[in-house]
Amino acid sequence: MIRPLLCAALLMVLPPTAAPVLADPAPVAAATSSEPYELVRALQAVQDGIANGDTAAHGSHIALIRQIGEKFLAADANVWSNPQNGQAVVIYLLSGGAPQLVRKLPRDKMSVDGRLFDGALAYVEGRQDEARELLKDVKPRTLPSGLGGQVALVQGALFARTEASLAIERLDDARLLLPGTLVEEAALRREILLVGQAEDFDKFEFLTLAYIRHYRNSIYAGDFWQRFSTGLTQSSLALDERRFARIVTLLDQIDRASRIKLHLMIARNAMLRGLMPVTRLAAERALALSADASAERERAHFFRGASRALTDEYDGGLAELKALDRSKLPERDVALLNATLQLALDVRKPFAGGPAATADKPPATPARLDLASSNVILARAQKQLGELELLAKDRRP
């Protein structure tokens, strides 16, 4: 679908001798004008192809950016008095254009908002503080949609660390102003992590489903799933037993290896927070997906065994932990396993007062212990879980 647009864009910027190689009668008429804003529109069309998985667009767009820049330099100075062309320079910059080339253009002839021009330059040149100051008060919805969407996307990146709520708002603007484009695709990739950190599960789910629906074939889909994973595992989003079925539905959209990895990450994260029901659910999903005798399967047995031993299946869980092949566990999981075994043994130790101190009370049922019934055991368990967290500061899978 994007290939005719790609050909048209290249016809605009390649020298005449190169045109026959890409000759296609249909787009030639669209390529008769070389107004800067039209060149930038062609660039955006090619970049939108990247969002749809067009590898030809991905392979050519860097050269296209360079060639459009050369066209800008060769343009008559009078064209820059057209506000559309001044805005096109800002869009060009924010679409990957070279700032050193833009600095050669006749700025005094350009009809463009100074804050936008200087802010875009500051952003692409890495002067983040200056860019934030220049662009903070710009309202993307007051701008033409092509420009407003690009500016909103940049604002989302600039304020992600300092003002997350503003960044999310601006990324929403970017999605609304330029739906179906690489800008929307990039906004979804940036926003999924911020919404995860904000622990807004409903929006996290909505954004994920939107990405799957429209951009699952994007050249940058891998980056989206990495951000999705980070948002999921560095928050409490997946640590609610009631939500787990919805999480599984989201994870079913990705490849098997990634699903196993994510379920193991969720299981470990839940275990470190003492959320044993979620630990068990995630571990069992990983068990169902992993191959026999694989390292992933051994880790899944570890997390499931821990969740059983520390809840209502003590004997079965302890046996599962003791049967593990430690050679298949990463070193940090071996340390965690040792601490888990010690914790499991500790919760079965008698009270400090000995049998006489509890002679008038019925013994706890061996298969199920209510840790909350004893402050002594609860304190001991919390101390051990704290030690688990210290052993597991590095939470990378």
Protein backbone atom coordinates (compact mmCIF):
# COMPACT_ATOMS: atom_id res chain seq x y z
CA MET A 1 0.00 0.00 0.00
CA ILE A 2 2.79 2.44 0.84
CA ARG A 3 5.01 1.54 -2.11
CA PRO A 4 3.35 3.96 -4.62
CA LEU A 5 3.79 6.77 -2.07
CA LEU A 6 7.41 5.77 -1.56
CA CYS A 7 8.01 5.88 -5.28
CA ALA A 8 6.35 9.29 -5.50
CA ALA A 9 8.47 10.67 -2.69
CA LEU A 10 11.67 9.40 -4.25
CA LEU A 11 10.70 10.82 -7.63
CA MET A 12 10.41 14.23 -5.98
CA VAL A 13 13.92 14.20 -4.58
CA LEU A 14 16.07 11.95 -6.78
CA PRO A 15 17.85 13.45 -9.80
CA PRO A 16 16.13 12.92 -13.16
CA THR A 17 18.59 10.22 -14.21
CA ALA A 18 17.47 8.09 -11.26
CA ALA A 19 13.75 8.41 -11.94
CA PRO A 20 13.39 5.64 -14.56
CA VAL A 21 14.55 3.04 -12.06
CA LEU A 22 11.46 3.73 -9.95
CA ALA A 23 9.19 4.77 -12.80
CA ASP A 24 5.53 4.36 -11.96
CA PRO A 25 3.01 6.31 -14.05
CA ALA A 26 0.46 6.67 -11.26
CA PRO A 27 2.33 8.85 -8.77
CA VAL A 28 4.13 11.15 -11.24
CA ALA A 29 1.35 13.75 -11.24
CA ALA A 30 1.53 14.01 -7.49
CA ALA A 31 5.24 14.72 -7.71
CA THR A 32 5.10 17.81 -9.97
CA SER A 33 5.43 20.30 -7.09
CA SER A 34 8.50 20.65 -4.91
CA GLU A 35 6.99 22.88 -2.22
CA PRO A 36 8.71 22.01 1.09
CA TYR A 37 5.44 21.17 2.79
CA GLU A 38 4.58 18.70 0.04
CA LEU A 39 7.99 17.05 0.30
CA VAL A 40 7.44 16.66 4.04
CA ARG A 41 3.99 15.17 3.48
CA ALA A 42 5.61 12.57 1.24
CA LEU A 43 8.17 11.85 3.96
CA GLN A 44 5.41 11.37 6.50
CA ALA A 45 3.59 8.98 4.16
CA VAL A 46 6.74 6.86 3.86
CA GLN A 47 7.25 6.88 7.63
CA ASP A 48 3.66 5.81 8.16
CA GLY A 49 4.51 2.78 6.04
CA ILE A 50 7.11 1.85 8.66
CA ALA A 51 4.34 1.76 11.27
CA ASN A 52 2.54 -0.75 9.04
CA GLY A 53 5.58 -2.98 8.61
CA ASP A 54 6.74 -1.82 5.17
CA THR A 55 10.40 -2.85 5.08
CA ALA A 56 11.00 -0.96 1.82
CA ALA A 57 9.91 2.25 3.51
CA HIS A 58 12.15 1.52 6.49
CA GLY A 59 15.15 0.87 4.26
CA SER A 60 14.79 4.08 2.25
CA HIS A 61 13.55 6.76 4.60
CA ILE A 62 16.97 7.87 5.90
CA ALA A 63 18.12 8.57 2.35
CA LEU A 64 14.82 10.29 1.68
CA ILE A 65 15.31 12.60 4.68
CA ARG A 66 18.75 13.57 3.40
CA GLN A 67 17.50 14.20 -0.13
CA ILE A 68 14.60 16.34 1.07
CA GLY A 69 17.06 18.40 3.08
CA GLU A 70 19.08 19.02 -0.07
CA LYS A 71 15.89 20.14 -1.81
CA PHE A 72 15.27 22.58 1.05
CA LEU A 73 18.72 24.10 0.59
CA ALA A 74 18.17 24.47 -3.15
CA ALA A 75 14.73 26.08 -2.79
CA ASP A 76 14.14 29.70 -3.67
CA ALA A 77 14.29 31.88 -0.53
CA ASN A 78 10.81 33.23 -1.23
CA VAL A 79 9.13 29.87 -0.60
CA TRP A 80 9.82 30.19 3.14
CA SER A 81 7.41 33.10 3.52
CA ASN A 82 4.60 30.55 3.18
CA PRO A 83 3.66 29.52 6.75
CA GLN A 84 3.05 25.95 5.58
CA ASN A 85 6.66 25.70 4.50
CA GLY A 86 7.96 27.15 7.76
CA GLN A 87 5.92 24.61 9.69
CA ALA A 88 7.21 21.90 7.37
CA VAL A 89 10.76 22.64 8.52
CA VAL A 90 9.74 22.01 12.13
CA ILE A 91 8.02 18.75 11.14
CA TYR A 92 11.10 17.78 9.10
CA LEU A 93 13.33 18.32 12.13
CA LEU A 94 11.08 16.27 14.40
CA SER A 95 10.85 13.53 11.76
CA GLY A 96 14.60 12.94 11.78
CA GLY A 97 15.88 15.88 9.73
CA ALA A 98 19.45 17.07 10.24
CA PRO A 99 19.67 20.22 12.42
CA GLN A 100 22.95 21.31 10.81
CA LEU A 101 21.17 21.44 7.45
CA VAL A 102 18.17 23.35 8.85
CA ARG A 103 20.51 25.95 10.34
CA LYS A 104 21.62 26.80 6.79
CA LEU A 105 18.10 27.79 5.75
CA PRO A 106 17.18 31.53 5.60
CA ARG A 107 15.61 31.86 9.04
CA ASP A 108 14.88 35.56 8.53
CA LYS A 109 12.67 34.68 5.55
CA MET A 110 10.75 32.01 7.43
CA SER A 111 7.18 32.51 8.65
CA VAL A 112 7.14 30.19 11.67
CA ASP A 113 6.58 30.44 15.42
CA GLY A 114 9.98 31.09 17.02
CA ARG A 115 9.24 28.87 20.05
CA LEU A 116 8.45 25.93 17.82
CA PHE A 117 11.50 26.40 15.61
CA ASP A 118 13.95 26.93 18.46
CA GLY A 119 12.33 24.24 20.60
CA ALA A 120 12.56 21.67 17.80
CA LEU A 121 16.22 22.54 17.22
CA ALA A 122 16.99 22.29 20.92
CA TYR A 123 15.27 18.90 21.11
CA VAL A 124 17.05 17.28 18.18
CA GLU A 125 20.39 18.75 19.29
CA GLY A 126 20.00 17.21 22.74
CA ARG A 127 19.43 20.41 24.71
CA GLN A 128 16.56 18.90 26.67
CA ASP A 129 16.15 21.55 29.39
CA GLU A 130 16.01 24.33 26.83
CA ALA A 131 13.55 22.36 24.69
CA ARG A 132 11.29 21.78 27.70
CA GLU A 133 11.26 25.47 28.50
CA LEU A 134 10.49 26.49 24.92
CA LEU A 135 7.80 23.89 24.24
CA LYS A 136 6.11 23.48 27.63
CA ASP A 137 3.34 26.00 27.03
CA VAL A 138 2.68 25.10 23.39
CA LYS A 139 -0.82 23.65 23.01
CA PRO A 140 -0.67 21.01 20.27
CA ARG A 141 -4.40 21.14 19.57
CA THR A 142 -4.13 24.80 18.55
CA LEU A 143 -1.73 23.85 15.73
CA PRO A 144 -2.44 22.20 12.39
CA SER A 145 -2.78 18.49 13.08
CA GLY A 146 0.37 17.45 11.20
CA LEU A 147 2.50 19.83 13.23
CA GLY A 148 0.54 19.50 16.47
CA GLY A 149 0.87 15.72 16.55
CA GLN A 150 4.63 15.88 16.10
CA VAL A 151 5.02 18.54 18.80
CA ALA A 152 2.80 16.59 21.21
CA LEU A 153 4.93 13.47 20.68
CA VAL A 154 8.09 15.42 21.50
CA GLN A 155 6.47 16.95 24.58
CA GLY A 156 5.58 13.45 25.74
CA ALA A 157 9.24 12.48 25.51
CA LEU A 158 10.49 15.68 27.16
CA PHE A 159 8.24 15.48 30.21
CA ALA A 160 8.18 11.71 30.73
CA ARG A 161 10.56 11.85 33.70
CA THR A 162 9.68 15.18 35.24
CA GLU A 163 5.91 15.49 34.74
CA ALA A 164 4.49 12.09 33.85
CA SER A 165 0.86 13.23 33.92
CA LEU A 166 1.59 16.04 31.43
CA ALA A 167 3.55 13.60 29.25
CA ILE A 168 0.59 11.19 29.17
CA GLU A 169 -1.76 14.04 28.28
CA ARG A 170 0.48 15.13 25.40
CA LEU A 171 0.87 11.58 24.10
CA ASP A 172 -2.91 11.30 24.10
CA ASP A 173 -2.96 14.47 22.00
CA ALA A 174 -0.43 12.99 19.58
CA ARG A 175 -2.57 9.89 19.10
CA LEU A 176 -5.73 11.90 18.54
CA LEU A 177 -4.17 14.42 16.17
CA LEU A 178 -2.43 11.91 13.90
CA PRO A 179 -4.27 8.57 14.03
CA GLY A 180 -3.01 5.79 11.79
CA THR A 181 0.48 7.27 11.50
CA LEU A 182 3.98 6.61 12.78
CA VAL A 183 3.35 9.41 15.28
CA GLU A 184 0.45 7.51 16.83
CA GLU A 185 2.49 4.30 16.82
CA ALA A 186 5.38 6.05 18.58
CA ALA A 187 3.00 7.69 21.07
CA LEU A 188 1.58 4.30 22.00
CA ARG A 189 5.09 2.94 22.54
CA ARG A 190 6.03 5.82 24.83
CA GLU A 191 2.73 5.99 26.67
CA ILE A 192 2.45 2.31 27.55
CA LEU A 193 5.41 2.57 29.92
CA LEU A 194 4.18 5.77 31.59
CA VAL A 195 0.69 4.36 32.12
CA GLY A 196 2.22 1.21 33.57
CA GLN A 197 4.24 3.27 36.02
CA ALA A 198 1.07 5.16 36.93
CA GLU A 199 -0.61 1.78 37.54
CA ASP A 200 -3.65 2.64 35.45
CA PHE A 201 -4.55 -0.90 34.41
CA ASP A 202 -7.61 -0.07 32.30
CA LYS A 203 -5.66 2.38 30.16
CA PHE A 204 -2.67 0.03 30.01
CA GLU A 205 -4.98 -2.64 28.62
CA PHE A 206 -6.64 -0.18 26.20
CA LEU A 207 -3.32 1.04 24.79
CA THR A 208 -2.02 -2.51 24.38
CA LEU A 209 -5.12 -3.60 22.50
CA ALA A 210 -4.93 -0.48 20.31
CA TYR A 211 -1.33 -1.28 19.41
CA ILE A 212 -2.16 -4.91 18.64
CA ARG A 213 -5.13 -3.87 16.51
CA HIS A 214 -3.29 -1.28 14.40
CA TYR A 215 0.48 -1.73 14.65
CA ARG A 216 1.31 -5.33 15.45
CA ASN A 217 3.33 -5.48 12.18
CA SER A 218 5.25 -2.27 12.84
CA ILE A 219 9.01 -2.33 12.33
CA TYR A 220 9.21 -1.09 15.94
CA ALA A 221 6.82 -3.63 17.49
CA GLY A 222 9.69 -5.20 19.44
CA ASP A 223 10.29 -1.90 21.20
CA PHE A 224 6.62 -1.70 22.17
CA TRP A 225 6.67 -5.15 23.77
CA GLN A 226 9.86 -4.32 25.66
CA ARG A 227 8.19 -1.23 27.10
CA PHE A 228 5.05 -3.25 27.78
CA SER A 229 7.13 -5.79 29.71
CA THR A 230 8.86 -3.10 31.74
CA GLY A 231 5.57 -1.38 32.55
CA LEU A 232 4.03 -4.67 33.56
CA THR A 233 6.83 -6.00 35.73
CA GLN A 234 7.97 -2.78 37.41
CA SER A 235 4.51 -2.01 38.72
CA SER A 236 1.70 -3.79 40.53
CA LEU A 237 -0.44 -4.12 37.40
CA ALA A 238 -0.01 -7.88 37.13
CA LEU A 239 -0.08 -8.51 40.87
CA ASP A 240 -3.84 -8.57 41.25
CA GLU A 241 -5.30 -12.06 41.12
CA ARG A 242 -8.58 -10.73 39.71
CA ARG A 243 -6.83 -9.15 36.73
CA PHE A 244 -4.69 -12.12 35.85
CA ALA A 245 -7.02 -13.52 33.17
CA ARG A 246 -6.94 -10.14 31.40
CA ILE A 247 -3.13 -10.12 31.58
CA VAL A 248 -3.05 -13.59 30.03
CA THR A 249 -5.25 -12.35 27.17
CA LEU A 250 -2.78 -9.53 26.47
CA LEU A 251 0.21 -11.84 26.64
CA ASP A 252 -1.43 -14.31 24.26
CA GLN A 253 -0.82 -11.75 21.51
CA ILE A 254 2.96 -12.18 21.59
CA ASP A 255 5.28 -15.04 20.74
CA ARG A 256 5.65 -18.09 22.98
CA ALA A 257 9.21 -17.35 24.15
CA SER A 258 8.27 -13.83 25.19
CA ARG A 259 5.18 -15.08 26.99
CA ILE A 260 7.23 -17.56 29.03
CA LYS A 261 9.75 -14.87 29.90
CA LEU A 262 7.04 -12.45 31.00
CA HIS A 263 5.16 -15.00 33.08
CA LEU A 264 8.40 -15.87 34.87
CA MET A 265 9.11 -12.19 35.49
CA ILE A 266 5.60 -11.73 36.90
CA ALA A 267 5.96 -14.81 39.09
CA ARG A 268 9.26 -13.61 40.52
CA ASN A 269 8.02 -10.09 41.09
CA ALA A 270 4.88 -11.37 42.83
CA MET A 271 6.92 -13.75 44.99
CA LEU A 272 9.21 -10.97 46.16
CA ARG A 273 6.15 -8.99 47.21
CA GLY A 274 4.65 -11.94 49.04
CA LEU A 275 1.73 -12.29 46.61
CA MET A 276 1.64 -16.06 46.43
CA PRO A 277 -1.66 -16.54 44.51
CA VAL A 278 -0.30 -14.46 41.61
CA THR A 279 3.07 -16.20 41.88
CA ARG A 280 1.34 -19.53 41.43
CA LEU A 281 -0.88 -18.39 38.55
CA ALA A 282 2.06 -17.00 36.59
CA ALA A 283 4.26 -20.00 37.34
CA GLU A 284 1.61 -22.42 36.14
CA ARG A 285 1.21 -20.48 32.89
CA ALA A 286 4.97 -20.66 32.38
CA LEU A 287 4.90 -24.39 33.09
CA ALA A 288 2.20 -24.91 30.48
CA LEU A 289 4.23 -23.03 27.86
CA SER A 290 7.76 -24.25 28.57
CA ALA A 291 9.49 -27.31 27.15
CA ASP A 292 10.37 -30.36 29.23
CA ALA A 293 13.76 -30.22 30.94
CA SER A 294 14.27 -26.57 29.93
CA ALA A 295 15.71 -23.93 32.24
CA GLU A 296 12.44 -21.98 31.94
CA ARG A 297 10.49 -25.00 33.15
CA GLU A 298 12.80 -25.41 36.14
CA ARG A 299 12.30 -21.78 37.11
CA ALA A 300 8.54 -22.18 36.77
CA HIS A 301 8.71 -25.18 39.13
CA PHE A 302 10.71 -23.05 41.56
CA PHE A 303 8.12 -20.28 41.70
CA ARG A 304 5.20 -22.69 41.87
CA GLY A 305 6.89 -24.72 44.59
CA ALA A 306 7.54 -21.59 46.63
CA SER A 307 3.93 -20.45 46.28
CA ARG A 308 2.70 -23.87 47.46
CA ALA A 309 5.13 -24.28 50.35
CA LEU A 310 4.36 -20.82 51.72
CA THR A 311 0.57 -21.21 51.53
CA ASP A 312 -1.63 -24.26 51.79
CA GLU A 313 0.38 -27.05 50.15
CA TYR A 314 3.43 -27.08 52.37
CA ASP A 315 4.55 -30.67 51.89
CA GLY A 316 3.97 -30.76 48.12
CA GLY A 317 5.59 -27.36 47.64
CA LEU A 318 8.63 -28.28 49.73
CA ALA A 319 9.05 -31.50 47.75
CA GLU A 320 8.86 -29.50 44.50
CA LEU A 321 11.55 -27.12 45.73
CA LYS A 322 13.84 -29.93 46.86
CA ALA A 323 13.48 -31.72 43.51
CA LEU A 324 14.76 -28.74 41.51
CA ASP A 325 17.83 -29.09 39.31
CA ARG A 326 19.85 -26.18 40.68
CA SER A 327 22.24 -26.28 37.73
CA LYS A 328 19.43 -24.96 35.50
CA LEU A 329 18.66 -21.96 37.71
CA PRO A 330 20.46 -18.63 37.34
CA GLU A 331 22.74 -17.80 40.25
CA ARG A 332 20.42 -15.18 41.68
CA ASP A 333 17.56 -17.70 41.72
CA VAL A 334 19.74 -20.23 43.56
CA ALA A 335 20.26 -17.66 46.33
CA LEU A 336 16.53 -16.97 46.32
CA LEU A 337 15.79 -20.69 46.48
CA ASN A 338 18.02 -21.11 49.54
CA ALA A 339 16.26 -18.26 51.31
CA THR A 340 12.86 -19.65 50.32
CA LEU A 341 13.69 -23.10 51.68
CA GLN A 342 14.85 -21.54 54.93
CA LEU A 343 11.65 -19.53 55.15
CA ALA A 344 9.55 -22.62 54.48
CA LEU A 345 11.37 -24.49 57.26
CA ASP A 346 11.10 -21.54 59.63
CA VAL A 347 7.33 -21.31 59.43
CA ARG A 348 7.14 -24.87 60.75
CA LYS A 349 9.37 -24.20 63.75
CA PRO A 350 7.68 -24.39 67.18
CA PHE A 351 6.98 -21.20 69.16
CA ALA A 352 9.78 -19.97 71.41
CA GLY A 353 7.84 -21.00 74.56
CA GLY A 354 7.86 -24.65 73.49
CA PRO A 355 4.99 -27.15 73.68
CA ALA A 356 4.10 -26.22 77.25
CA ALA A 357 3.32 -22.68 76.26
CA THR A 358 0.69 -23.83 73.80
CA ALA A 359 -0.60 -26.96 75.51
CA ASP A 360 -4.04 -25.43 75.94
CA LYS A 361 -4.35 -24.59 72.23
CA PRO A 362 -5.05 -27.00 69.38
CA PRO A 363 -2.04 -27.56 67.10
CA ALA A 364 -2.01 -25.88 63.71
CA THR A 365 -3.12 -28.05 60.84
CA PRO A 366 0.13 -29.23 59.16
CA ALA A 367 -1.21 -28.67 55.66
CA ARG A 368 -2.33 -25.06 56.24
CA LEU A 369 -0.86 -22.40 58.49
CA ASP A 370 -2.45 -19.03 59.08
CA LEU A 371 0.60 -16.79 59.39
CA ALA A 372 -1.55 -13.88 60.52
CA SER A 373 -2.57 -15.81 63.64
CA SER A 374 0.82 -15.37 65.21
CA ASN A 375 2.75 -12.13 65.45
CA VAL A 376 5.91 -14.09 66.10
CA ILE A 377 5.68 -16.16 62.92
CA LEU A 378 4.46 -13.19 60.89
CA ALA A 379 7.42 -11.09 61.98
CA ARG A 380 9.78 -13.94 61.14
CA ALA A 381 8.22 -14.39 57.69
CA GLN A 382 8.38 -10.66 56.96
CA LYS A 383 12.06 -10.60 57.94
CA GLN A 384 12.77 -13.51 55.61
CA LEU A 385 10.86 -11.89 52.74
CA GLY A 386 12.90 -8.75 53.30
CA GLU A 387 16.03 -10.82 52.93
CA LEU A 388 14.63 -12.27 49.72
CA GLU A 389 14.24 -8.77 48.33
CA LEU A 390 17.81 -7.89 49.24
CA LEU A 391 19.01 -11.01 47.47
CA ALA A 392 17.02 -10.08 44.41
CA LYS A 393 17.75 -6.39 43.83
CA ASP A 394 18.63 -7.19 40.23
CA ARG A 395 15.20 -8.09 38.84
CA ARG A 396 16.25 -8.72 35.28
CA PRO A 397 15.16 -12.16 34.03
